[in-house]
PDB file of N, CA and C in Angstrom:
ATOM      1  N   MET A   1       1.118  -0.975  -0.089  1.00  0.00           N
ATOM      2  CA  MET A   1       0.479  -0.141   0.065  1.00  0.00           C
ATOM      3  C   MET A   1       0.772   1.215  -0.052  1.00  0.00           C
ATOM      4  N   TYR A   2       0.419   2.615  -0.731  1.00  0.00           N
ATOM      5  CA  TYR A   2       1.453   3.525  -0.734  1.00  0.00           C
ATOM      6  C   TYR A   2       1.130   4.142  -0.435  1.00  0.00           C
ATOM      7  N   THR A   3       1.418   5.844   0.215  1.00  0.00           N
ATOM      8  CA  THR A   3       1.044   6.770   0.021  1.00  0.00           C
ATOM      9  C   THR A   3       1.173   7.890  -1.314  1.00  0.00           C
ATOM     10  N   GLU A   4      -0.119   8.752  -1.091  1.00  0.00           N
ATOM     11  CA  GLU A   4       0.218   9.185  -2.899  1.00  0.00           C
ATOM     12  C   GLU A   4       1.683   9.989  -3.362  1.00  0.00           C
ATOM     13  N   HIS A   5       2.669  10.245  -1.215  1.00  0.00           N
ATOM     14  CA  HIS A   5       3.339  11.157  -1.784  1.00  0.00           C
ATOM     15  C   HIS A   5       4.606   9.501  -1.951  1.00  0.00           C
ATOM     16  N   GLY A   6       4.201   8.599  -1.839  1.00  0.00           N
ATOM     17  CA  GLY A   6       5.136   7.399  -1.813  1.00  0.00           C
ATOM     18  C   GLY A   6       4.882   6.501  -3.047  1.00  0.00           C
ATOM     19  N   LYS A   7       3.828   7.344  -3.845  1.00  0.00           N
ATOM     20  CA  LYS A   7       3.978   6.829  -5.405  1.00  0.00           C
ATOM     21  C   LYS A   7       4.679   7.465  -6.202  1.00  0.00           C
ATOM     22  N   ALA A   8       4.067   8.791  -5.444  1.00  0.00           N
ATOM     23  CA  ALA A   8       4.714   9.744  -6.875  1.00  0.00           C
ATOM     24  C   ALA A   8       6.801   9.894  -6.621  1.00  0.00           C
ATOM     25  N   ARG A   9       6.713   9.192  -5.687  1.00  0.00           N
ATOM     26  CA  ARG A   9       8.477   9.518  -4.983  1.00  0.00           C
ATOM     27  C   ARG A   9       8.827   8.165  -6.295  1.00  0.00           C
ATOM     28  N   ALA A  10       8.087   7.460  -5.909  1.00  0.00           N
ATOM     29  CA  ALA A  10       8.503   5.727  -6.164  1.00  0.00           C
ATOM     30  C   ALA A  10       8.919   5.949  -7.739  1.00  0.00           C
ATOM     31  N   SER A  11       8.074   6.638  -8.013  1.00  0.00           N
ATOM     32  CA  SER A  11       7.991   6.553 -10.078  1.00  0.00           C
ATOM     33  C   SER A  11       9.638   8.163  -9.928  1.00  0.00           C
ATOM     34  N   GLN A  12       8.815   9.141  -9.430  1.00  0.00           N
ATOM     35  CA  GLN A  12      10.244   9.824 -10.193  1.00  0.00           C
ATOM     36  C   GLN A  12      11.753   9.659 -10.085  1.00  0.00           C
ATOM     37  N   ARG A  13      11.490   8.573  -9.233  1.00  0.00           N
ATOM     38  CA  ARG A  13      13.523   7.980  -8.909  1.00  0.00           C
ATOM     39  C   ARG A  13      12.515   6.081  -9.690  1.00  0.00           C
ATOM     40  N   GLY A  14      12.012   5.976  -9.882  1.00  0.00           N
ATOM     41  CA  GLY A  14      12.143   4.814 -11.232  1.00  0.00           C
ATOM     42  C   GLY A  14      12.105   3.557 -10.350  1.00  0.00           C
ATOM     43  N   TYR A  15      11.532   3.172  -8.925  1.00  0.00           N
ATOM     44  CA  TYR A  15      12.092   2.382  -8.601  1.00  0.00           C
ATOM     45  C   TYR A  15      10.302   2.063  -8.514  1.00  0.00           C
ATOM     46  N   PRO A  16       9.681   0.604  -9.703  1.00  0.00           N
ATOM     47  CA  PRO A  16       8.598  -0.379 -10.343  1.00  0.00           C
ATOM     48  C   PRO A  16       8.140  -1.037  -8.179  1.00  0.00           C
ATOM     49  N   LYS A  17       7.240  -1.460  -8.513  1.00  0.00           N
ATOM     50  CA  LYS A  17       6.804  -2.014  -7.243  1.00  0.00           C
ATOM     51  C   LYS A  17       7.304  -3.499  -6.318  1.00  0.00           C
ATOM     52  N   TRP A  18       7.827  -4.090  -7.803  1.00  0.00           N
ATOM     53  CA  TRP A  18       8.639  -5.732  -6.778  1.00  0.00           C
ATOM     54  C   TRP A  18       9.210  -4.751  -6.972  1.00  0.00           C
ATOM     55  N   LEU A  19      10.494  -3.848  -7.252  1.00  0.00           N
ATOM     56  CA  LEU A  19      12.306  -3.194  -6.404  1.00  0.00           C
ATOM     57  C   LEU A  19      11.391  -2.888  -4.806  1.00  0.00           C
ATOM     58  N   ILE A  20      10.593  -2.338  -4.205  1.00  0.00           N
ATOM     59  CA  ILE A  20      10.264  -1.368  -2.954  1.00  0.00           C
ATOM     60  C   ILE A  20       9.267  -3.191  -3.036  1.00  0.00           C
ATOM     61  N   ASP A  21       9.236  -4.337  -3.181  1.00  0.00           N
ATOM     62  CA  ASP A  21       8.669  -5.217  -3.067  1.00  0.00           C
ATOM     63  C   ASP A  21       9.826  -6.115  -2.365  1.00  0.00           C
ATOM     64  N   LEU A  22      11.247  -6.014  -2.855  1.00  0.00           N
ATOM     65  CA  LEU A  22      12.351  -7.021  -3.137  1.00  0.00           C
ATOM     66  C   LEU A  22      12.900  -6.418  -1.751  1.00  0.00           C
ATOM     67  N   ALA A  23      12.450  -5.165  -1.793  1.00  0.00           N
ATOM     68  CA  ALA A  23      13.876  -4.608  -0.513  1.00  0.00           C
ATOM     69  C   ALA A  23      12.703  -4.398   0.699  1.00  0.00           C
ATOM     70  N   ALA A  24      11.856  -4.435   0.262  1.00  0.00           N
ATOM     71  CA  ALA A  24      11.316  -4.245   1.598  1.00  0.00           C
ATOM     72  C   ALA A  24      11.569  -5.820   2.357  1.00  0.00           C
ATOM     73  N   ALA A  25      10.866  -7.466   1.748  1.00  0.00           N
ATOM     74  CA  ALA A  25      10.950  -8.167   1.914  1.00  0.00           C
ATOM     75  C   ALA A  25      12.692  -9.104   2.890  1.00  0.00           C
ATOM     76  N   PHE A  26      13.361  -8.108   2.104  1.00  0.00           N
ATOM     77  CA  PHE A  26      15.074  -8.324   2.387  1.00  0.00           C
ATOM     78  C   PHE A  26      15.604  -7.231   2.411  1.00  0.00           C
ATOM     79  N   GLY A  27      15.360  -6.743   2.620  1.00  0.00           N
ATOM     80  CA  GLY A  27      16.233  -5.398   3.807  1.00  0.00           C
ATOM     81  C   GLY A  27      16.353  -5.835   5.389  1.00  0.00           C
ATOM     82  N   ARG A  28      17.134  -5.425   5.684  1.00  0.00           N
ATOM     83  CA  ARG A  28      17.425  -5.131   7.331  1.00  0.00           C
ATOM     84  C   ARG A  28      16.192  -3.684   7.770  1.00  0.00           C
ATOM     85  N   GLN A  29      15.678  -3.589   9.236  1.00  0.00           N
ATOM     86  CA  GLN A  29      15.033  -3.036   9.176  1.00  0.00           C
ATOM     87  C   GLN A  29      15.548  -2.154  10.586  1.00  0.00           C
ATOM     88  N   ASP A  30      15.764  -0.593  10.288  1.00  0.00           N
ATOM     89  CA  ASP A  30      16.726  -0.268  11.139  1.00  0.00           C
ATOM     90  C   ASP A  30      15.534   1.343  11.721  1.00  0.00           C
ATOM     91  N   GLY A  31      14.391   0.962  12.294  1.00  0.00           N
ATOM     92  CA  GLY A  31      13.421   1.742  13.101  1.00  0.00           C
ATOM     93  C   GLY A  31      12.771   2.255  11.995  1.00  0.00           C
ATOM     94  N   ASP A  32      12.358   3.675  11.421  1.00  0.00           N
ATOM     95  CA  ASP A  32      11.387   3.101  10.551  1.00  0.00           C
ATOM     96  C   ASP A  32      11.326   3.087   9.362  1.00  0.00           C
ATOM     97  N   ARG A  33      12.762   2.225   8.814  1.00  0.00           N
ATOM     98  CA  ARG A  33      13.455   1.780   7.654  1.00  0.00           C
ATOM     99  C   ARG A  33      13.345   1.010   6.972  1.00  0.00           C
ATOM    100  N   VAL A  34      13.336   0.329   6.215  1.00  0.00           N
ATOM    101  CA  VAL A  34      13.944  -1.284   6.002  1.00  0.00           C
ATOM    102  C   VAL A  34      15.144  -0.728   4.798  1.00  0.00           C
ATOM    103  N   VAL A  35      16.250  -1.296   5.185  1.00  0.00           N
ATOM    104  CA  VAL A  35      17.791  -0.970   4.884  1.00  0.00           C
ATOM    105  C   VAL A  35      17.952  -2.167   3.427  1.00  0.00           C
ATOM    106  N   LEU A  36      18.207  -2.201   1.965  1.00  0.00           N
ATOM    107  CA  LEU A  36      18.803  -2.814   1.520  1.00  0.00           C
ATOM    108  C   LEU A  36      19.650  -2.076   0.939  1.00  0.00           C
ATOM    109  N   ASP A  37      21.238  -2.969   1.986  1.00  0.00           N
ATOM    110  CA  ASP A  37      22.377  -2.094   1.006  1.00  0.00           C
ATOM    111  C   ASP A  37      23.302  -3.669   0.158  1.00  0.00           C
ATOM    112  N   LYS A  38      24.099  -2.961   0.133  1.00  0.00           N
ATOM    113  CA  LYS A  38      25.629  -4.234  -0.835  1.00  0.00           C
ATOM    114  C   LYS A  38      25.346  -5.718  -0.300  1.00  0.00           C
ATOM    115  N   PRO A  39      25.850  -5.625   1.478  1.00  0.00           N
ATOM    116  CA  PRO A  39      25.948  -6.570   1.549  1.00  0.00           C
ATOM    117  C   PRO A  39      24.607  -7.413   1.506  1.00  0.00           C
ATOM    118  N   ILE A  40      24.014  -6.942   1.730  1.00  0.00           N
ATOM    119  CA  ILE A  40      22.912  -8.235   1.099  1.00  0.00           C
ATOM    120  C   ILE A  40      22.864  -8.055  -0.034  1.00  0.00           C
ATOM    121  N   LEU A  41      22.280  -7.387  -0.659  1.00  0.00           N
ATOM    122  CA  LEU A  41      22.099  -7.359  -1.677  1.00  0.00           C
ATOM    123  C   LEU A  41      23.587  -9.074  -3.128  1.00  0.00           C
ATOM    124  N   ASP A  42      24.707  -8.152  -2.408  1.00  0.00           N
ATOM    125  CA  ASP A  42      25.469  -9.677  -2.558  1.00  0.00           C
ATOM    126  C   ASP A  42      25.134 -11.178  -1.548  1.00  0.00           C
ATOM    127  N   GLU A  43      25.361 -10.648  -1.446  1.00  0.00           N
ATOM    128  CA  GLU A  43      23.942 -11.910  -0.018  1.00  0.00           C
ATOM    129  C   GLU A  43      23.495 -12.754  -1.511  1.00  0.00           C
ATOM    130  N   ILE A  44      21.912 -11.926  -1.605  1.00  0.00           N
ATOM    131  CA  ILE A  44      20.338 -12.176  -2.401  1.00  0.00           C
ATOM    132  C   ILE A  44      21.975 -12.756  -3.794  1.00  0.00           C
ATOM    133  N   LEU A  45      22.362 -12.053  -4.499  1.00  0.00           N
ATOM    134  CA  LEU A  45      22.825 -12.721  -5.626  1.00  0.00           C
ATOM    135  C   LEU A  45      23.981 -13.158  -5.656  1.00  0.00           C
ATOM    136  N   SER A  46      23.994 -13.630  -4.741  1.00  0.00           N
ATOM    137  CA  SER A  46      24.764 -15.455  -4.798  1.00  0.00           C
ATOM    138  C   SER A  46      23.773 -15.639  -4.087  1.00  0.00           C
ATOM    139  N   GLY A  47      22.985 -16.221  -3.596  1.00  0.00           N
ATOM    140  CA  GLY A  47      21.884 -17.302  -3.534  1.00  0.00           C
ATOM    141  C   GLY A  47      21.318 -17.768  -5.148  1.00  0.00           C
ATOM    142  N   LEU A  48      21.360 -16.000  -5.482  1.00  0.00           N
ATOM    143  CA  LEU A  48      20.548 -16.234  -6.292  1.00  0.00           C
ATOM    144  C   LEU A  48      20.930 -17.244  -8.245  1.00  0.00           C
ATOM    145  N   ARG A  49      22.650 -17.105  -7.705  1.00  0.00           N
ATOM    146  CA  ARG A  49      23.350 -18.034  -8.799  1.00  0.00           C
ATOM    147  C   ARG A  49      23.464 -19.285  -8.325  1.00  0.00           C
ATOM    148  N   LYS A  50      23.392 -19.724  -7.288  1.00  0.00           N
ATOM    149  CA  LYS A  50      23.538 -21.054  -6.571  1.00  0.00           C
ATOM    150  C   LYS A  50      22.506 -21.705  -7.362  1.00  0.00           C
ATOM    151  N   LEU A  51      21.679 -20.616  -7.128  1.00  0.00           N
ATOM    152  CA  LEU A  51      19.211 -20.997  -7.214  1.00  0.00           C
ATOM    153  C   LEU A  51      19.616 -21.378  -9.029  1.00  0.00           C
ATOM    154  N   ARG A  52      20.205 -20.281 -10.235  1.00  0.00           N
ATOM    155  CA  ARG A  52      20.247 -20.296 -10.852  1.00  0.00           C
ATOM    156  C   ARG A  52      21.209 -22.125 -11.596  1.00  0.00           C
ATOM    157  N   ASP A  53      22.391 -22.233 -11.015  1.00  0.00           N
ATOM    158  CA  ASP A  53      23.146 -22.867 -11.258  1.00  0.00           C
ATOM    159  C   ASP A  53      23.018 -24.990 -11.407  1.00  0.00           C
ATOM    160  N   LYS A  54      22.152 -24.435 -10.406  1.00  0.00           N
ATOM    161  CA  LYS A  54      20.581 -26.198  -9.653  1.00  0.00           C
ATOM    162  C   LYS A  54      19.397 -25.562 -10.812  1.00  0.00           C
ATOM    163  N   GLY A  55      19.458 -24.472 -11.693  1.00  0.00           N
ATOM    164  CA  GLY A  55      18.098 -24.798 -13.350  1.00  0.00           C
ATOM    165  C   GLY A  55      17.374 -24.534 -12.157  1.00  0.00           C
ATOM    166  N   GLY A  56      17.738 -23.764 -11.743  1.00  0.00           N
ATOM    167  CA  GLY A  56      16.207 -22.979 -10.466  1.00  0.00           C
ATOM    168  C   GLY A  56      15.783 -23.992  -9.444  1.00  0.00           C
ATOM    169  N   ALA A  57      14.788 -24.287  -8.594  1.00  0.00           N
ATOM    170  CA  ALA A  57      14.130 -24.728  -7.922  1.00  0.00           C
ATOM    171  C   ALA A  57      12.216 -24.775  -8.540  1.00  0.00           C
ATOM    172  N   VAL A  58      11.269 -25.641  -7.497  1.00  0.00           N
ATOM    173  CA  VAL A  58      10.180 -26.033  -7.433  1.00  0.00           C
ATOM    174  C   VAL A  58       9.600 -25.810  -6.031  1.00  0.00           C
ATOM    175  N   VAL A  59       8.735 -25.434  -5.144  1.00  0.00           N
ATOM    176  CA  VAL A  59       8.654 -25.330  -3.713  1.00  0.00           C
ATOM    177  C   VAL A  59       7.014 -25.695  -3.844  1.00  0.00           C
ATOM    178  N   VAL A  60       7.058 -26.047  -3.308  1.00  0.00           N
ATOM    179  CA  VAL A  60       5.751 -27.019  -3.027  1.00  0.00           C
ATOM    180  C   VAL A  60       5.157 -27.250  -1.689  1.00  0.00           C
ATOM    181  N   LEU A  61       4.866 -25.646  -1.743  1.00  0.00           N
ATOM    182  CA  LEU A  61       3.340 -25.334  -0.234  1.00  0.00           C
ATOM    183  C   LEU A  61       2.521 -25.863   0.257  1.00  0.00           C
ATOM    184  N   ASP A  62       2.129 -26.191   1.533  1.00  0.00           N
ATOM    185  CA  ASP A  62       0.604 -27.002   1.549  1.00  0.00           C
ATOM    186  C   ASP A  62      -0.534 -25.160   1.915  1.00  0.00           C
ATOM    187  N   GLU A  63      -2.044 -25.812   2.007  1.00  0.00           N
ATOM    188  CA  GLU A  63      -2.300 -24.313   1.914  1.00  0.00           C
ATOM    189  C   GLU A  63      -2.201 -23.654   2.780  1.00  0.00           C
ATOM    190  N   VAL A  64      -1.467 -23.573   3.901  1.00  0.00           N
ATOM    191  CA  VAL A  64      -1.025 -22.983   4.894  1.00  0.00           C
ATOM    192  C   VAL A  64       0.061 -21.886   4.564  1.00  0.00           C
ATOM    193  N   GLY A  65       1.139 -22.074   3.973  1.00  0.00           N
ATOM    194  CA  GLY A  65       2.422 -21.848   2.378  1.00  0.00           C
ATOM    195  C   GLY A  65       3.298 -22.640   3.554  1.00  0.00           C
ATOM    196  N   ARG A  66       3.598 -23.841   4.073  1.00  0.00           N
ATOM    197  CA  ARG A  66       4.251 -24.482   4.688  1.00  0.00           C
ATOM    198  C   ARG A  66       5.011 -24.943   3.808  1.00  0.00           C
ATOM    199  N   LEU A  67       6.210 -25.373   3.768  1.00  0.00           N
ATOM    200  CA  LEU A  67       7.338 -25.998   3.106  1.00  0.00           C
ATOM    201  C   LEU A  67       6.560 -27.534   3.173  1.00  0.00           C
ATOM    202  N   ILE A  68       6.389 -28.220   2.083  1.00  0.00           N
ATOM    203  CA  ILE A  68       6.342 -29.502   2.367  1.00  0.00           C
ATOM    204  C   ILE A  68       8.095 -30.310   0.913  1.00  0.00           C
ATOM    205  N   THR A  69       7.967 -29.535   0.788  1.00  0.00           N
ATOM    206  CA  THR A  69       9.085 -30.319  -0.684  1.00  0.00           C
ATOM    207  C   THR A  69       9.706 -28.916  -1.513  1.00  0.00           C
ATOM    208  N   VAL A  70      10.518 -29.069  -1.945  1.00  0.00           N
ATOM    209  CA  VAL A  70      11.636 -28.459  -2.768  1.00  0.00           C
ATOM    210  C   VAL A  70      12.473 -29.345  -3.708  1.00  0.00           C
ATOM    211  N   TRP A  71      12.090 -29.011  -5.230  1.00  0.00           N
ATOM    212  CA  TRP A  71      13.442 -29.512  -5.653  1.00  0.00           C
ATOM    213  C   TRP A  71      14.032 -28.522  -7.239  1.00  0.00           C
ATOM    214  N   ASN A  72      14.989 -29.248  -7.436  1.00  0.00           N
ATOM    215  CA  ASN A  72      15.848 -28.304  -8.673  1.00  0.00           C
ATOM    216  C   ASN A  72      14.942 -28.952 -10.073  1.00  0.00           C
ATOM    217  N   SER A  73      14.275 -27.859 -10.808  1.00  0.00           N
ATOM    218  CA  SER A  73      13.441 -27.327 -11.072  1.00  0.00           C
ATOM    219  C   SER A  73      13.937 -28.706 -13.187  1.00  0.00           C
ATOM    220  N   GLU A  74      15.417 -28.495 -12.674  1.00  0.00           N
ATOM    221  CA  GLU A  74      16.359 -29.637 -13.997  1.00  0.00           C
ATOM    222  C   GLU A  74      16.162 -30.779 -14.093  1.00  0.00           C
ATOM    223  N   SER A  75      16.425 -31.182 -12.901  1.00  0.00           N
ATOM    224  CA  SER A  75      16.371 -32.398 -12.274  1.00  0.00           C
ATOM    225  C   SER A  75      15.055 -33.457 -12.249  1.00  0.00           C
ATOM    226  N   TYR A  76      14.344 -33.161 -12.874  1.00  0.00           N
ATOM    227  CA  TYR A  76      12.414 -34.034 -12.983  1.00  0.00           C
ATOM    228  C   TYR A  76      10.913 -33.204 -13.244  1.00  0.00           C
ATOM    229  N   ARG A  77      10.823 -33.549 -14.047  1.00  0.00           N
ATOM    230  CA  ARG A  77      10.128 -33.375 -15.209  1.00  0.00           C
ATOM    231  C   ARG A  77       8.747 -34.266 -15.384  1.00  0.00           C
ATOM    232  N   ARG A  78       8.143 -34.955 -14.682  1.00  0.00           N
ATOM    233  CA  ARG A  78       7.034 -35.941 -14.286  1.00  0.00           C
ATOM    234  C   ARG A  78       5.843 -34.491 -15.436  1.00  0.00           C
ATOM    235  N   PRO A  79       4.907 -35.511 -16.775  1.00  0.00           N
ATOM    236  CA  PRO A  79       4.055 -34.844 -17.372  1.00  0.00           C
ATOM    237  C   PRO A  79       2.886 -34.181 -15.813  1.00  0.00           C
ATOM    238  N   ARG A  80       2.369 -33.046 -16.529  1.00  0.00           N
ATOM    239  CA  ARG A  80       1.117 -32.728 -15.367  1.00  0.00           C
ATOM    240  C   ARG A  80      -0.541 -33.700 -15.544  1.00  0.00           C
ATOM    241  N   ARG A  81      -0.975 -33.871 -14.605  1.00  0.00           N
ATOM    242  CA  ARG A  81      -1.861 -33.780 -14.982  1.00  0.00           C
ATOM    243  C   ARG A  81      -2.990 -33.544 -15.531  1.00  0.00           C
ATOM    244  N   PRO A  82      -3.529 -34.049 -16.557  1.00  0.00           N
ATOM    245  CA  PRO A  82      -4.496 -32.756 -17.080  1.00  0.00           C
ATOM    246  C   PRO A  82      -5.744 -32.279 -16.515  1.00  0.00           C
ATOM    247  N   ALA A  83      -5.898 -31.216 -15.919  1.00  0.00           N
ATOM    248  CA  ALA A  83      -7.348 -31.219 -15.167  1.00  0.00           C
ATOM    249  C   ALA A  83      -8.339 -31.706 -15.839  1.00  0.00           C
ATOM    250  N   ARG A  84      -9.176 -32.255 -14.361  1.00  0.00           N
ATOM    251  CA  ARG A  84      -9.696 -32.835 -14.531  1.00  0.00           C
ATOM    252  C   ARG A  84     -11.330 -32.060 -15.128  1.00  0.00           C
ATOM    253  N   HIS A  85     -12.862 -32.399 -15.823  1.00  0.00           N
ATOM    254  CA  HIS A  85     -13.600 -31.719 -16.174  1.00  0.00           C
ATOM    255  C   HIS A  85     -14.507 -32.533 -15.639  1.00  0.00           C
ATOM    256  N   HIS A  86     -15.553 -32.093 -14.393  1.00  0.00           N
ATOM    257  CA  HIS A  86     -16.254 -32.776 -13.818  1.00  0.00           C
ATOM    258  C   HIS A  86     -17.684 -32.048 -14.592  1.00  0.00           C
ATOM    259  N   ARG A  87     -18.691 -33.360 -15.212  1.00  0.00           N
ATOM    260  CA  ARG A  87     -20.105 -32.917 -16.291  1.00  0.00           C
ATOM    261  C   ARG A  87     -20.573 -32.512 -15.382  1.00  0.00           C
ATOM    262  N   ARG A  88     -21.439 -32.023 -15.850  1.00  0.00           N
ATOM    263  CA  ARG A  88     -22.233 -30.954 -15.155  1.00  0.00           C
ATOM    264  C   ARG A  88     -23.863 -32.066 -14.683  1.00  0.00           C
ATOM    265  N   ALA A  89     -24.339 -32.067 -13.494  1.00  0.00           N
ATOM    266  CA  ALA A  89     -25.485 -32.477 -14.297  1.00  0.00           C
ATOM    267  C   ALA A  89     -26.643 -32.833 -14.008  1.00  0.00           C
ATOM    268  N   GLU A  90     -27.094 -33.533 -15.614  1.00  0.00           N
ATOM    269  CA  GLU A  90     -28.138 -32.987 -16.229  1.00  0.00           C
ATOM    270  C   GLU A  90     -29.947 -32.568 -15.652  1.00  0.00           C
ATOM    271  N   ALA A  91     -30.373 -31.147 -16.430  1.00  0.00           N
ATOM    272  CA  ALA A  91     -31.687 -30.776 -15.541  1.00  0.00           C
ATOM    273  C   ALA A  91     -33.146 -31.945 -15.755  1.00  0.00           C
TER     274      ALA A  91
END
Protein backbone atom coordinates (compact mmCIF):
# COMPACT_ATOMS: atom_id res chain seq x y z
CA MET A 1 0.00 0.00 0.00
CA TYR A 2 1.40 3.37 -1.01
CA THR A 3 0.68 6.91 0.05
CA GLU A 4 0.30 9.43 -2.76
CA HIS A 5 3.69 10.85 -1.75
CA GLY A 6 5.24 7.36 -1.87
CA LYS A 7 3.78 6.64 -5.31
CA ALA A 8 5.11 9.94 -6.64
CA ARG A 9 8.63 9.41 -5.22
CA ALA A 10 8.83 5.81 -6.45
CA SER A 11 7.82 6.94 -9.93
CA GLN A 12 10.19 9.92 -9.96
CA ARG A 13 13.11 7.79 -8.78
CA GLY A 14 12.46 4.84 -11.07
CA TYR A 15 11.56 2.20 -8.47
CA PRO A 16 8.92 -0.23 -9.79
CA LYS A 17 6.67 -2.00 -7.30
CA TRP A 18 8.54 -5.31 -7.55
CA LEU A 19 11.81 -3.64 -6.48
CA ILE A 20 10.14 -1.96 -3.53
CA ASP A 21 8.58 -5.31 -2.55
CA LEU A 22 12.01 -6.95 -2.82
CA ALA A 23 13.59 -4.32 -0.58
CA ALA A 24 10.77 -4.65 1.96
CA ALA A 25 11.04 -8.45 1.99
CA PHE A 26 14.84 -8.79 2.21
CA GLY A 27 16.06 -5.56 3.76
CA ARG A 28 16.96 -5.05 7.42
CA GLN A 29 14.78 -3.01 9.74
CA ASP A 30 16.37 0.26 10.87
CA GLY A 31 13.83 2.20 12.90
CA ASP A 32 11.01 3.20 10.55
CA ARG A 33 13.06 2.20 7.49
CA VAL A 34 13.94 -1.01 5.72
CA VAL A 35 17.44 -0.89 4.26
CA LEU A 36 18.53 -3.12 1.40
CA ASP A 37 22.23 -2.27 1.11
CA LYS A 38 25.15 -3.72 -0.86
CA PRO A 39 26.11 -6.44 1.67
CA ILE A 40 22.54 -7.78 1.68
CA LEU A 41 22.33 -7.49 -2.11
CA ASP A 42 25.62 -9.38 -2.47
CA GLU A 43 24.22 -12.20 -0.32
CA ILE A 44 20.99 -12.29 -2.37
CA LEU A 45 22.92 -12.30 -5.66
CA SER A 46 25.16 -15.12 -4.43
CA GLY A 47 22.09 -17.16 -3.54
CA LEU A 48 20.45 -16.42 -6.87
CA ARG A 49 23.59 -17.52 -8.74
CA LYS A 50 23.56 -20.82 -6.82
CA LEU A 51 19.88 -21.23 -7.61
CA ARG A 52 20.53 -20.51 -11.29
CA ASP A 53 23.38 -23.04 -11.34
CA LYS A 54 20.91 -25.64 -10.03
CA GLY A 55 18.53 -24.75 -12.87
CA GLY A 56 15.96 -23.09 -10.63
CA ALA A 57 13.68 -24.58 -8.00
CA VAL A 58 10.21 -25.93 -7.55
CA VAL A 59 8.70 -25.29 -4.13
CA VAL A 60 5.59 -27.09 -2.93
CA LEU A 61 3.63 -25.45 -0.11
CA ASP A 62 0.59 -26.57 1.82
CA GLU A 63 -2.58 -24.50 2.01
CA VAL A 64 -1.19 -22.30 4.82
CA GLY A 65 2.16 -21.71 3.13
CA ARG A 66 4.34 -24.28 4.95
CA LEU A 67 7.07 -25.99 2.96
CA ILE A 68 6.25 -29.55 1.92
CA THR A 69 9.20 -30.13 -0.41
CA VAL A 70 11.60 -28.44 -2.79
CA TRP A 71 13.62 -29.72 -5.75
CA ASN A 72 15.77 -28.64 -8.65
CA SER A 73 13.41 -27.64 -11.44
CA GLU A 74 15.60 -29.32 -14.08
CA SER A 75 16.13 -32.57 -12.19
CA TYR A 76 12.70 -34.07 -12.61
CA ARG A 77 10.07 -33.41 -15.21
CA ARG A 78 7.01 -35.50 -14.64
CA PRO A 79 4.15 -34.99 -17.04
CA ARG A 80 1.50 -32.72 -15.61
CA ARG A 81 -1.85 -34.34 -15.06
CA PRO A 82 -4.55 -32.96 -17.30
CA ALA A 83 -7.17 -30.87 -15.58
CA ARG A 84 -10.18 -32.88 -14.57
CA HIS A 85 -13.40 -31.87 -16.24
CA HIS A 86 -16.45 -32.48 -14.12
CA ARG A 87 -19.66 -33.34 -15.83
CA ARG A 88 -22.57 -31.18 -14.95
CA ALA A 89 -25.63 -32.92 -13.72
CA GLU A 90 -28.31 -32.78 -16.33
CA ALA A 91 -31.56 -31.16 -15.29
